[in-house]
Each structure stands twice: as structure tokens, then as C-alpha cells.
Amino acid sequence: MHEQLPVGVFDSGLGGLSVLAEIRQLLPNESLVYVADSAHVPYGEKTAEQIIERSILLSGFLLD
């Protein structure tokens, strides 16, 4: 038997809640965990390397 784990979602905090709402609408029975990375807002001004670094860090946080 597989453990039921939530789906993790993160973003810089700008617009992420609207994306989360869409995911909830598409997957109404799914457990979701949302992280707003507002300390590093906005992602659009970051380099690819910075976004990769944040993504790895936040993914690790969600997996823990």
C-alpha cells in the first residue's frame, strides 16, 4: 500500500494562490501544500541559477 502524500506547490507569492485555486478545481480530492516564497519575490527578476537554487531548496522543504 502506498502512503497518500500531498502535492506540493510553491512560487514567489505573486499569483501563486490563483494557480493553487486552479489546481484545487482540477484536483478537488487532492491534498495540497502551498509555500509562498515571498522573501525572494519576484522570480521573474532572478537568474536561471537562482531559480534552480530556490526550486531545489523548496522542493527539499516540501519533501521533508
Protein backbone atom coordinates (compact mmCIF):
# COMPACT_ATOMS: atom_id res chain seq x y z
CA MET A 1 0.00 0.00 0.00
CA HIS A 2 1.28 3.48 -0.90
CA GLU A 3 1.16 6.32 1.57
CA GLN A 4 -1.06 9.18 0.35
CA LEU A 5 1.12 12.29 0.23
CA PRO A 6 0.01 15.82 -0.63
CA VAL A 7 1.01 17.64 -3.78
CA GLY A 8 3.47 20.45 -3.05
CA VAL A 9 3.18 23.79 -4.82
CA PHE A 10 5.48 26.78 -4.44
CA ASP A 11 6.09 30.11 -6.09
CA SER A 12 7.35 33.58 -5.27
CA GLY A 13 3.98 34.51 -3.82
CA LEU A 14 2.78 36.61 -6.75
CA GLY A 15 -0.13 34.89 -8.44
CA GLY A 16 0.51 31.57 -6.75
CA LEU A 17 -2.79 31.49 -4.92
CA SER A 18 -4.70 31.77 -8.21
CA VAL A 19 -2.67 28.85 -9.58
CA LEU A 20 -3.37 26.90 -6.39
CA ALA A 21 -7.10 27.61 -6.81
CA GLU A 22 -6.98 26.20 -10.35
CA ILE A 23 -5.18 23.08 -9.13
CA ARG A 24 -7.84 22.66 -6.41
CA GLN A 25 -10.55 22.95 -9.03
CA LEU A 26 -8.89 20.34 -11.24
CA LEU A 27 -7.99 18.02 -8.34
CA PRO A 28 -10.70 18.61 -5.72
CA ASN A 29 -9.88 15.47 -3.72
CA GLU A 30 -6.14 16.04 -3.62
CA SER A 31 -4.33 17.30 -0.53
CA LEU A 32 -2.20 20.32 -1.37
CA VAL A 33 0.62 22.09 0.45
CA TYR A 34 1.45 25.64 -0.68
CA VAL A 35 4.63 27.58 0.06
CA ALA A 36 4.81 31.28 -0.82
CA ASP A 37 8.48 32.17 -1.20
CA SER A 38 7.76 35.85 -0.62
CA ALA A 39 11.26 36.51 0.74
CA HIS A 40 12.57 36.04 -2.82
CA VAL A 41 9.87 37.83 -4.81
CA PRO A 42 9.69 38.21 -7.81
CA TYR A 43 11.12 35.18 -9.57
CA GLY A 44 10.92 36.97 -12.91
CA GLU A 45 13.91 39.13 -11.98
CA LYS A 46 16.07 36.17 -10.90
CA THR A 47 18.65 34.34 -12.98
CA ALA A 48 18.04 30.75 -14.04
CA GLU A 49 20.65 29.66 -11.50
CA GLN A 50 18.86 31.49 -8.67
CA ILE A 51 15.53 29.92 -9.61
CA ILE A 52 17.07 26.46 -9.76
CA GLU A 53 18.65 27.02 -6.33
CA ARG A 54 15.31 28.13 -4.82
CA SER A 55 13.48 25.25 -6.51
CA ILE A 56 15.87 22.68 -5.07
CA LEU A 57 15.67 24.23 -1.60
CA LEU A 58 11.86 24.49 -1.58
CA SER A 59 11.40 21.02 -3.07
CA GLY A 60 13.57 19.64 -0.27
CA PHE A 61 11.46 21.52 2.27
CA LEU A 62 8.26 20.07 0.81
CA LEU A 63 9.69 16.56 0.75
CA ASP A 64 10.75 16.76 4.39
